[in-house]
Amino acid sequence: MSGTLVRYGKLKWFNEKKGYGFITDEESGKDVFVHITQFQKAGIEDKTEGQQMSYELYNDKGRIAAGHLVLLQEHPAFFKSVINA
């Protein structure tokens, strides 16, 4: 995913039994599919609605999905300025 645009959003919902959920993109307001494997790769165990995170879009078998998840817990504006610098 090198060179991919980092995006920001909030976890809209996640269903543990089904293994997927959606992140609402901060800029567009659109929902982006996210699979449980992406949380596992990022080491994120707690999936709480409203969690702020950064992510990158990727092609998941023909569907646009969120990957490279990073939780932004304390100061998301600070992280944005560091990442975009």
Protein backbone atom coordinates (compact mmCIF):
# COMPACT_ATOMS: atom_id res chain seq x y z
CA MET A 1 0.00 0.00 0.00
CA SER A 2 2.97 2.26 -0.40
CA GLY A 3 1.98 5.75 -1.55
CA THR A 4 -1.65 5.23 -0.56
CA LEU A 5 -3.56 8.16 0.90
CA VAL A 6 -4.15 7.89 4.64
CA ARG A 7 -7.80 8.52 5.48
CA TYR A 8 -9.54 9.22 8.79
CA GLY A 9 -12.87 8.10 10.18
CA LYS A 10 -14.83 6.59 13.04
CA LEU A 11 -15.91 3.01 13.53
CA LYS A 12 -19.63 3.06 12.76
CA TRP A 13 -20.29 -0.49 13.93
CA PHE A 14 -18.68 -3.90 14.05
CA ASN A 15 -20.29 -7.34 14.36
CA GLU A 16 -17.95 -9.85 16.02
CA LYS A 17 -20.02 -12.87 14.95
CA LYS A 18 -20.08 -11.85 11.29
CA GLY A 19 -16.49 -10.58 11.37
CA TYR A 20 -17.02 -7.24 9.66
CA GLY A 21 -18.24 -3.69 10.09
CA PHE A 22 -17.97 -0.20 8.66
CA ILE A 23 -15.88 2.92 9.20
CA THR A 24 -17.51 6.27 8.37
CA ASP A 25 -15.01 8.36 6.41
CA GLU A 26 -14.40 11.75 8.02
CA GLU A 27 -14.11 13.65 4.75
CA SER A 28 -16.78 12.08 2.52
CA GLY A 29 -19.19 10.76 5.16
CA LYS A 30 -19.36 7.46 3.26
CA ASP A 31 -19.12 4.08 4.95
CA VAL A 32 -16.12 1.86 4.20
CA PHE A 33 -16.19 -1.92 4.72
CA VAL A 34 -13.69 -3.31 7.25
CA HIS A 35 -13.00 -7.01 7.84
CA ILE A 36 -11.94 -8.55 11.16
CA THR A 37 -8.61 -9.62 9.65
CA GLN A 38 -7.59 -5.96 9.35
CA PHE A 39 -8.17 -5.43 13.08
CA GLN A 40 -6.17 -8.59 13.78
CA LYS A 41 -3.27 -7.43 11.59
CA ALA A 42 -3.24 -4.10 13.46
CA GLY A 43 -3.40 -5.80 16.87
CA ILE A 44 -6.68 -4.05 17.70
CA GLU A 45 -8.83 -6.16 20.00
CA ASP A 46 -11.37 -3.61 21.27
CA LYS A 47 -13.78 -2.54 18.53
CA THR A 48 -15.97 0.19 19.99
CA GLU A 49 -18.40 2.34 18.01
CA GLY A 50 -17.08 5.86 17.56
CA GLN A 51 -13.38 4.94 17.80
CA GLN A 52 -11.34 7.35 15.70
CA MET A 53 -8.85 5.73 13.37
CA SER A 54 -6.74 6.22 10.32
CA TYR A 55 -6.81 3.70 7.50
CA GLU A 56 -5.95 3.13 3.86
CA LEU A 57 -8.24 1.91 1.12
CA TYR A 58 -7.43 -1.30 -0.72
CA ASN A 59 -9.10 -3.67 -3.17
CA ASP A 60 -10.50 -6.68 -1.30
CA LYS A 61 -11.61 -9.10 -4.02
CA GLY A 62 -13.26 -6.35 -6.06
CA ARG A 63 -14.63 -4.41 -3.10
CA ILE A 64 -13.07 -1.26 -1.66
CA ALA A 65 -12.19 -1.88 2.00
CA ALA A 66 -10.25 -0.34 4.88
CA GLY A 67 -6.82 -1.68 5.85
CA HIS A 68 -3.68 -0.61 7.75
CA LEU A 69 -5.84 0.47 10.68
CA VAL A 70 -4.41 2.73 13.38
CA LEU A 71 -6.39 3.88 16.42
CA LEU A 72 -6.21 7.62 17.10
CA GLN A 73 -7.08 7.79 20.76
CA GLU A 74 -5.81 10.91 22.42
CA HIS A 75 -5.06 13.69 19.97
CA PRO A 76 -6.13 12.84 16.40
CA ALA A 77 -5.40 16.37 15.14
CA PHE A 78 -1.79 15.99 16.28
CA PHE A 79 -1.43 12.66 14.47
CA LYS A 80 -2.91 14.16 11.27
CA SER A 81 -0.42 17.02 11.31
CA VAL A 82 2.50 14.63 11.88
CA ILE A 83 1.37 12.20 9.17
CA ASN A 84 0.65 14.95 6.63
CA ALA A 85 3.86 16.88 7.31
